[in-house]
């Protein structure tokens, strides 16, 4: 299996892994797969908005790092037993409006989430990549190169009918963070 060589609670560069392979590995393990393509985000606010949309955060998401941590940990934990997580933050911005410090602060939230889930013996693996930049000839500054989007996201799997085990039966690619339906089901 692809994830056997990756310790269970870690945040690391995606390196040789491919998004579709990570998605398949999450599916094989019955874990949540959460993907966010951040190539179009230019600022911290846009990164947080893209994460909120991609991960189906609740409408009341505060769009700050503390709220991100809460959505990645406490809210989901209160919803019930979780099978594990594979998170991909694809093409984190790499420019002045989202500099190294902002990226590290964001990744620190995911590291803290990995620690949170490790204490509960739940696998939480987060992979990230940076947007590719290059010097544009004749123009000062950096310009992001648009990379092809990963293969289309799979459709949501149908929910299993056992309502008493709602949290453990959550379909892949639905969001573990769409807590409104979880709280209604509880």
N, C-alpha and C. Protein backbone atom coordinates (compact mmCIF):
# COMPACT_ATOMS: atom_id res chain seq x y z
N UNK A 1 0.84 -1.19 0.00
CA UNK A 1 0.00 0.00 0.00
C UNK A 1 0.87 1.25 0.00
N UNK A 2 0.39 2.25 -0.65
CA UNK A 2 1.12 3.49 -0.82
C UNK A 2 1.48 4.17 0.50
N UNK A 3 0.57 4.21 1.44
CA UNK A 3 0.79 4.96 2.68
C UNK A 3 1.53 4.16 3.76
N UNK A 4 1.87 2.91 3.51
CA UNK A 4 2.58 2.12 4.50
C UNK A 4 3.94 2.73 4.85
N UNK A 5 4.54 3.44 3.92
CA UNK A 5 5.85 4.02 4.17
C UNK A 5 5.78 5.43 4.75
N UNK A 6 4.57 5.94 4.95
CA UNK A 6 4.39 7.29 5.49
C UNK A 6 3.82 7.16 6.89
N UNK A 7 4.54 7.69 7.87
CA UNK A 7 4.01 7.58 9.23
C UNK A 7 2.63 8.23 9.31
N UNK A 8 1.82 7.79 10.25
CA UNK A 8 0.42 8.16 10.24
C UNK A 8 0.07 9.61 10.59
N UNK A 9 0.86 10.32 11.31
CA UNK A 9 0.49 11.69 11.70
C UNK A 9 1.62 12.63 11.34
N UNK A 10 1.52 13.14 10.12
CA UNK A 10 2.62 13.92 9.57
C UNK A 10 2.10 14.95 8.56
N UNK A 11 2.86 16.01 8.41
CA UNK A 11 2.63 17.00 7.36
C UNK A 11 3.93 17.03 6.57
N UNK A 12 3.85 16.72 5.28
CA UNK A 12 5.08 16.65 4.49
C UNK A 12 4.82 17.05 3.04
N UNK A 13 5.90 17.40 2.36
CA UNK A 13 5.81 17.73 0.95
C UNK A 13 5.33 16.50 0.18
N UNK A 14 4.57 16.74 -0.85
CA UNK A 14 3.97 15.65 -1.62
C UNK A 14 5.03 14.85 -2.38
N UNK A 15 6.10 15.49 -2.77
CA UNK A 15 7.24 14.90 -3.48
C UNK A 15 6.82 13.92 -4.56
N UNK A 16 7.14 12.65 -4.38
CA UNK A 16 6.92 11.64 -5.42
C UNK A 16 5.50 11.10 -5.46
N UNK A 17 4.66 11.53 -4.55
CA UNK A 17 3.28 11.04 -4.55
C UNK A 17 2.46 11.80 -5.57
N UNK A 18 1.50 11.12 -6.13
CA UNK A 18 0.55 11.74 -7.05
C UNK A 18 -0.79 11.84 -6.35
N UNK A 19 -1.52 12.91 -6.65
CA UNK A 19 -2.80 13.16 -5.98
C UNK A 19 -3.76 11.98 -6.18
N UNK A 20 -3.87 11.49 -7.40
CA UNK A 20 -4.81 10.39 -7.65
C UNK A 20 -4.41 9.13 -6.89
N UNK A 21 -3.11 8.90 -6.70
CA UNK A 21 -2.65 7.74 -5.93
C UNK A 21 -2.98 7.91 -4.44
N UNK A 22 -2.82 9.13 -3.93
CA UNK A 22 -3.17 9.39 -2.53
C UNK A 22 -4.67 9.24 -2.31
N UNK A 23 -5.46 9.70 -3.28
CA UNK A 23 -6.91 9.56 -3.18
C UNK A 23 -7.29 8.07 -3.15
N UNK A 24 -6.66 7.28 -4.01
CA UNK A 24 -6.95 5.84 -4.04
C UNK A 24 -6.50 5.17 -2.74
N UNK A 25 -5.35 5.57 -2.22
CA UNK A 25 -4.87 4.99 -0.96
C UNK A 25 -5.82 5.32 0.19
N UNK A 26 -6.33 6.55 0.23
CA UNK A 26 -7.30 6.93 1.26
C UNK A 26 -8.55 6.07 1.12
N UNK A 27 -9.00 5.90 -0.11
CA UNK A 27 -10.19 5.09 -0.35
C UNK A 27 -9.95 3.65 0.08
N UNK A 28 -8.80 3.10 -0.25
CA UNK A 28 -8.47 1.72 0.14
C UNK A 28 -8.47 1.55 1.65
N UNK A 29 -8.05 2.60 2.38
CA UNK A 29 -8.01 2.54 3.85
C UNK A 29 -9.33 2.97 4.48
N UNK A 30 -10.27 3.41 3.67
CA UNK A 30 -11.55 3.88 4.20
C UNK A 30 -11.43 5.20 4.93
N UNK A 31 -10.45 6.02 4.55
CA UNK A 31 -10.22 7.31 5.21
C UNK A 31 -10.79 8.46 4.38
N UNK A 32 -11.01 9.59 5.05
CA UNK A 32 -11.46 10.80 4.36
C UNK A 32 -10.32 11.30 3.48
N UNK A 33 -10.65 11.72 2.27
CA UNK A 33 -9.69 12.34 1.38
C UNK A 33 -10.14 13.78 1.17
N UNK A 34 -9.30 14.73 1.55
CA UNK A 34 -9.62 16.15 1.43
C UNK A 34 -8.59 16.81 0.54
N UNK A 35 -9.07 17.46 -0.51
CA UNK A 35 -8.18 18.05 -1.50
C UNK A 35 -8.53 19.52 -1.70
N UNK A 36 -7.50 20.37 -1.74
CA UNK A 36 -7.70 21.79 -2.05
C UNK A 36 -6.62 22.23 -3.03
N UNK A 37 -7.05 22.74 -4.18
CA UNK A 37 -6.13 23.30 -5.15
C UNK A 37 -6.07 24.81 -4.87
N UNK A 38 -4.91 25.26 -4.42
CA UNK A 38 -4.75 26.65 -3.98
C UNK A 38 -4.03 27.51 -5.01
N UNK A 39 -3.93 27.04 -6.23
CA UNK A 39 -3.17 27.74 -7.27
C UNK A 39 -3.69 29.15 -7.53
N UNK A 40 -4.98 29.38 -7.39
CA UNK A 40 -5.54 30.70 -7.69
C UNK A 40 -5.51 31.64 -6.49
N UNK A 41 -5.24 31.12 -5.31
CA UNK A 41 -5.23 31.95 -4.10
C UNK A 41 -3.99 32.86 -4.11
N UNK A 42 -4.21 34.11 -3.75
CA UNK A 42 -3.12 35.08 -3.74
C UNK A 42 -2.76 35.58 -2.35
N UNK A 43 -3.65 35.41 -1.39
CA UNK A 43 -3.42 35.94 -0.05
C UNK A 43 -3.85 34.90 0.98
N UNK A 44 -3.52 35.18 2.23
CA UNK A 44 -3.92 34.29 3.33
C UNK A 44 -5.44 34.14 3.36
N UNK A 45 -6.15 35.24 3.19
CA UNK A 45 -7.62 35.21 3.20
C UNK A 45 -8.15 34.32 2.08
N UNK A 46 -7.57 34.43 0.88
CA UNK A 46 -8.01 33.61 -0.24
C UNK A 46 -7.67 32.14 -0.02
N UNK A 47 -6.53 31.86 0.60
CA UNK A 47 -6.18 30.47 0.93
C UNK A 47 -7.22 29.90 1.89
N UNK A 48 -7.57 30.65 2.92
CA UNK A 48 -8.55 30.17 3.90
C UNK A 48 -9.93 30.01 3.25
N UNK A 49 -10.31 30.92 2.37
CA UNK A 49 -11.59 30.80 1.68
C UNK A 49 -11.62 29.57 0.78
N UNK A 50 -10.51 29.29 0.10
CA UNK A 50 -10.44 28.12 -0.77
C UNK A 50 -10.51 26.84 0.06
N UNK A 51 -9.82 26.82 1.19
CA UNK A 51 -9.91 25.65 2.07
C UNK A 51 -11.33 25.46 2.57
N UNK A 52 -11.98 26.54 2.97
CA UNK A 52 -13.35 26.45 3.48
C UNK A 52 -14.28 25.88 2.42
N UNK A 53 -14.13 26.33 1.19
CA UNK A 53 -14.97 25.84 0.10
C UNK A 53 -14.64 24.39 -0.25
N UNK A 54 -13.36 24.09 -0.37
CA UNK A 54 -12.93 22.74 -0.77
C UNK A 54 -13.28 21.69 0.27
N UNK A 55 -13.20 22.05 1.54
CA UNK A 55 -13.44 21.09 2.62
C UNK A 55 -14.86 21.19 3.18
N UNK A 56 -15.70 22.03 2.58
CA UNK A 56 -17.09 22.18 3.01
C UNK A 56 -17.20 22.57 4.48
N UNK A 57 -16.39 23.55 4.90
CA UNK A 57 -16.47 24.02 6.28
C UNK A 57 -17.86 24.62 6.52
N UNK A 58 -18.28 24.67 7.78
CA UNK A 58 -19.58 25.28 8.08
C UNK A 58 -19.60 26.75 7.66
N UNK A 59 -20.79 27.26 7.38
CA UNK A 59 -20.92 28.65 6.94
C UNK A 59 -20.37 29.64 7.95
N UNK A 60 -20.37 29.29 9.23
CA UNK A 60 -19.89 30.21 10.26
C UNK A 60 -18.37 30.18 10.41
N UNK A 61 -17.64 29.47 9.52
CA UNK A 61 -16.18 29.40 9.58
C UNK A 61 -15.61 30.82 9.61
N UNK A 62 -14.78 31.10 10.60
CA UNK A 62 -14.26 32.45 10.83
C UNK A 62 -13.16 32.90 9.91
N UNK A 63 -12.68 32.06 9.01
CA UNK A 63 -11.64 32.40 8.05
C UNK A 63 -10.40 32.99 8.71
N UNK A 64 -9.96 32.31 9.78
CA UNK A 64 -8.69 32.63 10.40
C UNK A 64 -8.04 31.30 10.83
N UNK A 65 -6.81 31.34 11.25
CA UNK A 65 -6.08 30.09 11.54
C UNK A 65 -6.65 29.36 12.75
N UNK A 66 -7.15 30.08 13.74
CA UNK A 66 -7.77 29.41 14.90
C UNK A 66 -9.03 28.67 14.48
N UNK A 67 -9.83 29.29 13.64
CA UNK A 67 -11.05 28.64 13.15
C UNK A 67 -10.70 27.44 12.27
N UNK A 68 -9.63 27.55 11.49
CA UNK A 68 -9.17 26.42 10.68
C UNK A 68 -8.82 25.24 11.58
N UNK A 69 -8.07 25.51 12.63
CA UNK A 69 -7.71 24.44 13.57
C UNK A 69 -8.97 23.81 14.18
N UNK A 70 -9.91 24.64 14.61
CA UNK A 70 -11.15 24.11 15.19
C UNK A 70 -11.89 23.21 14.21
N UNK A 71 -11.96 23.63 12.95
CA UNK A 71 -12.66 22.83 11.95
C UNK A 71 -11.93 21.53 11.65
N UNK A 72 -10.62 21.54 11.75
CA UNK A 72 -9.83 20.34 11.46
C UNK A 72 -9.79 19.37 12.64
N UNK A 73 -10.21 19.82 13.80
CA UNK A 73 -10.05 18.98 15.00
C UNK A 73 -11.34 18.85 15.80
N UNK A 74 -11.60 19.78 16.68
CA UNK A 74 -12.68 19.67 17.67
C UNK A 74 -14.05 19.39 17.07
N UNK A 75 -14.41 20.15 16.06
CA UNK A 75 -15.75 20.01 15.48
C UNK A 75 -15.93 18.60 14.92
N UNK A 76 -14.93 18.12 14.21
CA UNK A 76 -15.01 16.78 13.61
C UNK A 76 -14.96 15.71 14.70
N UNK A 77 -14.10 15.90 15.68
CA UNK A 77 -13.97 14.93 16.76
C UNK A 77 -15.30 14.76 17.50
N UNK A 78 -16.00 15.86 17.73
CA UNK A 78 -17.28 15.80 18.44
C UNK A 78 -18.35 15.09 17.62
N UNK A 79 -18.15 14.98 16.32
CA UNK A 79 -19.15 14.35 15.45
C UNK A 79 -19.12 12.83 15.52
N UNK A 80 -18.07 12.26 16.09
CA UNK A 80 -18.01 10.80 16.21
C UNK A 80 -16.66 10.25 15.81
N UNK A 81 -16.56 8.95 15.86
CA UNK A 81 -15.32 8.25 15.54
C UNK A 81 -14.95 8.51 14.08
N UNK A 82 -13.69 8.78 13.83
CA UNK A 82 -13.21 9.08 12.48
C UNK A 82 -12.29 7.97 11.98
N UNK A 83 -12.32 7.68 10.68
CA UNK A 83 -11.51 6.60 10.12
C UNK A 83 -10.08 7.01 9.78
N UNK A 84 -9.78 8.29 9.76
CA UNK A 84 -8.47 8.79 9.36
C UNK A 84 -8.62 9.78 8.23
N UNK A 85 -7.53 10.48 7.93
CA UNK A 85 -7.57 11.58 6.96
C UNK A 85 -6.33 11.55 6.08
N UNK A 86 -6.54 11.82 4.81
CA UNK A 86 -5.46 12.14 3.88
C UNK A 86 -5.84 13.49 3.29
N UNK A 87 -5.01 14.49 3.56
CA UNK A 87 -5.28 15.87 3.14
C UNK A 87 -4.21 16.28 2.13
N UNK A 88 -4.63 16.90 1.04
CA UNK A 88 -3.68 17.40 0.05
C UNK A 88 -3.93 18.89 -0.14
N UNK A 89 -2.88 19.68 0.13
CA UNK A 89 -2.89 21.13 -0.11
C UNK A 89 -2.02 21.35 -1.34
N UNK A 90 -2.67 21.42 -2.47
CA UNK A 90 -1.97 21.46 -3.75
C UNK A 90 -1.70 22.89 -4.17
N UNK A 91 -0.46 23.18 -4.52
CA UNK A 91 -0.01 24.45 -5.06
C UNK A 91 -0.20 25.63 -4.11
N UNK A 92 0.34 25.48 -2.91
CA UNK A 92 0.34 26.60 -1.96
C UNK A 92 1.02 27.80 -2.63
N UNK A 93 0.45 28.98 -2.49
CA UNK A 93 1.06 30.16 -3.11
C UNK A 93 2.49 30.39 -2.62
N UNK A 94 3.31 30.94 -3.48
CA UNK A 94 4.71 31.22 -3.15
C UNK A 94 5.08 32.58 -3.74
N UNK A 95 4.62 33.64 -3.06
CA UNK A 95 4.91 34.99 -3.52
C UNK A 95 4.76 35.96 -2.35
N UNK A 96 4.94 37.22 -2.60
CA UNK A 96 4.98 38.21 -1.53
C UNK A 96 3.69 38.30 -0.71
N UNK A 97 2.53 38.13 -1.33
CA UNK A 97 1.26 38.26 -0.60
C UNK A 97 0.97 37.03 0.26
N UNK A 98 1.64 35.92 -0.01
CA UNK A 98 1.53 34.72 0.83
C UNK A 98 2.94 34.17 0.95
N UNK A 99 3.70 34.81 1.83
CA UNK A 99 5.13 34.54 1.94
C UNK A 99 5.42 33.29 2.78
N UNK A 100 6.69 33.04 2.98
CA UNK A 100 7.14 31.86 3.71
C UNK A 100 6.54 31.80 5.12
N UNK A 101 6.50 32.93 5.80
CA UNK A 101 5.94 32.96 7.15
C UNK A 101 4.46 32.56 7.14
N UNK A 102 3.70 33.09 6.19
CA UNK A 102 2.27 32.74 6.09
C UNK A 102 2.10 31.25 5.79
N UNK A 103 2.93 30.72 4.89
CA UNK A 103 2.86 29.28 4.58
C UNK A 103 3.17 28.44 5.81
N UNK A 104 4.21 28.82 6.54
CA UNK A 104 4.58 28.06 7.74
C UNK A 104 3.49 28.12 8.80
N UNK A 105 2.85 29.28 8.96
CA UNK A 105 1.74 29.39 9.91
C UNK A 105 0.60 28.46 9.51
N UNK A 106 0.29 28.43 8.23
CA UNK A 106 -0.76 27.54 7.74
C UNK A 106 -0.38 26.08 7.98
N UNK A 107 0.83 25.71 7.61
CA UNK A 107 1.26 24.32 7.80
C UNK A 107 1.34 23.95 9.27
N UNK A 108 1.65 24.93 10.13
CA UNK A 108 1.65 24.67 11.58
C UNK A 108 0.27 24.26 12.07
N UNK A 109 -0.78 24.85 11.50
CA UNK A 109 -2.14 24.45 11.88
C UNK A 109 -2.36 22.98 11.54
N UNK A 110 -1.90 22.57 10.37
CA UNK A 110 -2.06 21.17 9.98
C UNK A 110 -1.17 20.25 10.82
N UNK A 111 0.01 20.74 11.22
CA UNK A 111 0.87 19.95 12.13
C UNK A 111 0.19 19.77 13.48
N UNK A 112 -0.42 20.84 13.98
CA UNK A 112 -1.14 20.76 15.25
C UNK A 112 -2.35 19.83 15.13
N UNK A 113 -3.02 19.86 13.99
CA UNK A 113 -4.13 18.94 13.76
C UNK A 113 -3.63 17.50 13.73
N UNK A 114 -2.47 17.27 13.11
CA UNK A 114 -1.89 15.92 13.09
C UNK A 114 -1.59 15.45 14.51
N UNK A 115 -1.08 16.34 15.36
CA UNK A 115 -0.82 16.00 16.76
C UNK A 115 -2.13 15.69 17.50
N UNK A 116 -3.15 16.51 17.25
CA UNK A 116 -4.46 16.30 17.87
C UNK A 116 -4.98 14.90 17.56
N UNK A 117 -4.94 14.53 16.27
CA UNK A 117 -5.46 13.22 15.87
C UNK A 117 -4.54 12.10 16.33
N UNK A 118 -3.23 12.35 16.42
CA UNK A 118 -2.30 11.32 16.91
C UNK A 118 -2.64 10.95 18.35
N UNK A 119 -2.99 11.95 19.17
CA UNK A 119 -3.37 11.67 20.55
C UNK A 119 -4.60 10.78 20.63
N UNK A 120 -5.41 10.80 19.60
CA UNK A 120 -6.64 10.00 19.55
C UNK A 120 -6.46 8.74 18.72
N UNK A 121 -5.19 8.49 18.32
CA UNK A 121 -4.82 7.32 17.54
C UNK A 121 -5.58 7.22 16.21
N UNK A 122 -5.74 8.39 15.57
CA UNK A 122 -6.38 8.50 14.26
C UNK A 122 -5.32 9.01 13.29
N UNK A 123 -5.15 8.32 12.17
CA UNK A 123 -4.16 8.74 11.17
C UNK A 123 -4.58 10.04 10.52
N UNK A 124 -3.66 10.97 10.43
CA UNK A 124 -3.88 12.26 9.77
C UNK A 124 -2.62 12.57 8.98
N UNK A 125 -2.70 12.39 7.68
CA UNK A 125 -1.55 12.66 6.82
C UNK A 125 -1.89 13.86 5.93
N UNK A 126 -1.03 14.84 5.94
CA UNK A 126 -1.23 16.04 5.13
C UNK A 126 -0.04 16.19 4.19
N UNK A 127 -0.33 16.30 2.91
CA UNK A 127 0.69 16.48 1.88
C UNK A 127 0.48 17.84 1.24
N UNK A 128 1.57 18.51 0.91
CA UNK A 128 1.45 19.83 0.29
C UNK A 128 2.46 19.98 -0.83
N UNK A 129 2.13 20.88 -1.75
CA UNK A 129 3.06 21.27 -2.80
C UNK A 129 3.00 22.78 -2.93
N UNK A 130 4.03 23.35 -3.51
CA UNK A 130 4.07 24.79 -3.75
C UNK A 130 3.75 25.07 -5.20
N UNK A 131 3.14 26.22 -5.45
CA UNK A 131 2.90 26.65 -6.82
C UNK A 131 4.25 26.86 -7.48
N UNK A 132 4.36 26.45 -8.71
CA UNK A 132 5.60 26.61 -9.45
C UNK A 132 5.66 28.03 -9.97
N UNK A 133 6.80 28.68 -9.74
CA UNK A 133 6.97 30.05 -10.23
C UNK A 133 8.23 30.12 -11.08
N UNK A 134 8.25 31.10 -11.95
CA UNK A 134 9.45 31.31 -12.78
C UNK A 134 9.53 32.79 -13.12
N UNK A 135 10.70 33.21 -13.54
CA UNK A 135 10.85 34.59 -14.01
C UNK A 135 10.24 34.69 -15.40
N UNK A 136 9.40 35.65 -15.59
CA UNK A 136 8.81 35.89 -16.90
C UNK A 136 9.75 36.81 -17.65
N UNK A 137 10.23 36.39 -18.80
CA UNK A 137 11.20 37.19 -19.53
C UNK A 137 10.58 38.53 -19.93
N UNK A 138 11.34 39.59 -19.69
CA UNK A 138 10.89 40.92 -20.06
C UNK A 138 10.01 41.58 -19.02
N UNK A 139 9.57 40.86 -18.00
CA UNK A 139 8.71 41.43 -16.97
C UNK A 139 9.33 41.13 -15.62
N UNK A 140 9.44 42.15 -14.80
CA UNK A 140 10.02 41.95 -13.47
C UNK A 140 9.03 41.20 -12.58
N UNK A 141 9.56 40.42 -11.68
CA UNK A 141 8.71 39.70 -10.71
C UNK A 141 8.44 38.27 -11.13
N UNK A 142 7.72 37.59 -10.29
CA UNK A 142 7.42 36.19 -10.53
C UNK A 142 6.01 36.05 -11.09
N UNK A 143 5.83 35.02 -11.85
CA UNK A 143 4.51 34.72 -12.40
C UNK A 143 4.26 33.24 -12.20
N UNK A 144 3.13 32.89 -11.67
CA UNK A 144 2.82 31.49 -11.45
C UNK A 144 2.52 30.83 -12.78
N UNK A 145 3.03 29.64 -12.95
CA UNK A 145 2.73 28.84 -14.13
C UNK A 145 1.50 28.02 -13.80
N UNK A 146 0.53 28.05 -14.66
CA UNK A 146 -0.66 27.24 -14.41
C UNK A 146 -0.33 25.80 -14.72
N UNK A 147 -0.52 24.96 -13.75
CA UNK A 147 -0.32 23.53 -13.94
C UNK A 147 -1.66 22.90 -14.22
N UNK A 148 -1.65 21.79 -14.93
CA UNK A 148 -2.94 21.13 -15.17
C UNK A 148 -3.55 20.68 -13.85
N UNK A 149 -4.84 20.81 -13.76
CA UNK A 149 -5.54 20.37 -12.55
C UNK A 149 -5.45 18.86 -12.48
N UNK A 150 -5.45 18.31 -11.24
CA UNK A 150 -5.43 16.87 -11.13
C UNK A 150 -6.70 16.31 -11.76
N UNK A 151 -6.65 15.02 -11.99
CA UNK A 151 -7.81 14.37 -12.59
C UNK A 151 -9.06 14.75 -11.81
N UNK A 152 -10.17 14.71 -12.49
CA UNK A 152 -11.43 15.13 -11.89
C UNK A 152 -11.68 14.42 -10.57
N UNK A 153 -12.24 15.18 -9.64
CA UNK A 153 -12.59 14.60 -8.35
C UNK A 153 -13.70 13.58 -8.55
N UNK A 154 -13.64 12.49 -7.81
CA UNK A 154 -14.70 11.52 -7.95
C UNK A 154 -16.00 12.06 -7.35
N UNK A 155 -17.08 11.56 -7.84
CA UNK A 155 -18.37 11.95 -7.28
C UNK A 155 -18.49 11.42 -5.87
N UNK A 156 -19.33 12.06 -5.09
CA UNK A 156 -19.53 11.61 -3.72
C UNK A 156 -20.11 10.20 -3.72
N UNK A 157 -19.56 9.38 -2.86
CA UNK A 157 -20.09 8.04 -2.72
C UNK A 157 -21.42 8.13 -1.98
N UNK A 158 -22.35 7.22 -2.25
CA UNK A 158 -23.62 7.29 -1.54
C UNK A 158 -23.40 7.01 -0.06
N UNK A 159 -24.14 7.71 0.76
CA UNK A 159 -24.04 7.52 2.20
C UNK A 159 -24.61 6.17 2.58
N UNK A 160 -23.99 5.54 3.56
CA UNK A 160 -24.51 4.27 4.06
C UNK A 160 -25.73 4.55 4.92
N UNK A 161 -26.59 3.59 5.04
CA UNK A 161 -27.87 3.84 5.68
C UNK A 161 -27.85 3.72 7.20
N UNK A 162 -26.80 3.25 7.82
CA UNK A 162 -26.77 3.05 9.26
C UNK A 162 -26.57 4.40 9.95
N UNK A 163 -27.65 5.05 10.32
CA UNK A 163 -27.59 6.39 10.90
C UNK A 163 -26.90 6.41 12.25
N UNK A 164 -26.91 5.32 13.01
CA UNK A 164 -26.27 5.31 14.31
C UNK A 164 -24.75 5.35 14.20
N UNK A 165 -24.21 4.98 13.07
CA UNK A 165 -22.77 5.01 12.83
C UNK A 165 -22.42 6.07 11.80
N UNK A 166 -23.14 7.14 11.77
CA UNK A 166 -23.00 8.14 10.72
C UNK A 166 -21.56 8.60 10.53
N UNK A 167 -20.86 8.92 11.61
CA UNK A 167 -19.49 9.42 11.50
C UNK A 167 -18.53 8.42 10.90
N UNK A 168 -18.66 7.16 11.25
CA UNK A 168 -17.73 6.16 10.73
C UNK A 168 -18.07 5.75 9.32
N UNK A 169 -19.28 6.02 8.86
CA UNK A 169 -19.69 5.62 7.53
C UNK A 169 -19.69 6.77 6.54
N UNK A 170 -19.06 7.86 6.89
CA UNK A 170 -19.08 9.01 6.02
C UNK A 170 -18.41 8.67 4.70
N UNK A 171 -19.04 8.98 3.58
CA UNK A 171 -18.47 8.63 2.28
C UNK A 171 -17.22 9.44 1.98
N UNK A 172 -16.32 8.85 1.21
CA UNK A 172 -15.13 9.57 0.78
C UNK A 172 -15.54 10.75 -0.07
N UNK A 173 -14.76 11.79 -0.03
CA UNK A 173 -14.93 13.02 -0.77
C UNK A 173 -16.12 13.84 -0.31
N UNK A 174 -16.89 13.35 0.63
CA UNK A 174 -17.78 14.28 1.28
C UNK A 174 -16.92 14.87 2.38
N UNK A 175 -17.31 15.91 2.97
CA UNK A 175 -16.42 16.55 3.91
C UNK A 175 -16.70 16.12 5.34
N UNK A 176 -15.63 15.79 6.02
CA UNK A 176 -15.73 15.50 7.44
C UNK A 176 -16.08 16.77 8.19
N UNK A 177 -16.04 17.89 7.51
CA UNK A 177 -16.21 19.17 8.17
C UNK A 177 -17.57 19.78 7.93
N UNK A 178 -18.41 19.09 7.19
CA UNK A 178 -19.77 19.55 6.99
C UNK A 178 -20.57 19.13 8.22
N UNK A 179 -20.26 19.76 9.32
CA UNK A 179 -20.77 19.32 10.62
C UNK A 179 -22.23 19.61 10.85
N UNK A 180 -22.81 20.48 10.08
CA UNK A 180 -24.22 20.78 10.28
C UNK A 180 -25.06 19.50 10.12
N UNK A 181 -24.77 18.72 9.10
CA UNK A 181 -25.54 17.49 8.92
C UNK A 181 -25.19 16.48 10.00
N UNK A 182 -23.96 16.51 10.51
CA UNK A 182 -23.57 15.57 11.57
C UNK A 182 -24.30 15.91 12.86
N UNK A 183 -24.36 17.21 13.16
CA UNK A 183 -25.01 17.62 14.40
C UNK A 183 -26.51 17.35 14.33
N UNK A 184 -27.10 17.49 13.15
CA UNK A 184 -28.51 17.16 12.98
C UNK A 184 -28.75 15.68 13.15
N UNK A 185 -27.80 14.86 12.71
CA UNK A 185 -27.94 13.40 12.79
C UNK A 185 -27.72 12.88 14.21
N UNK A 186 -27.02 13.65 15.04
CA UNK A 186 -26.65 13.18 16.39
C UNK A 186 -27.83 13.13 17.33
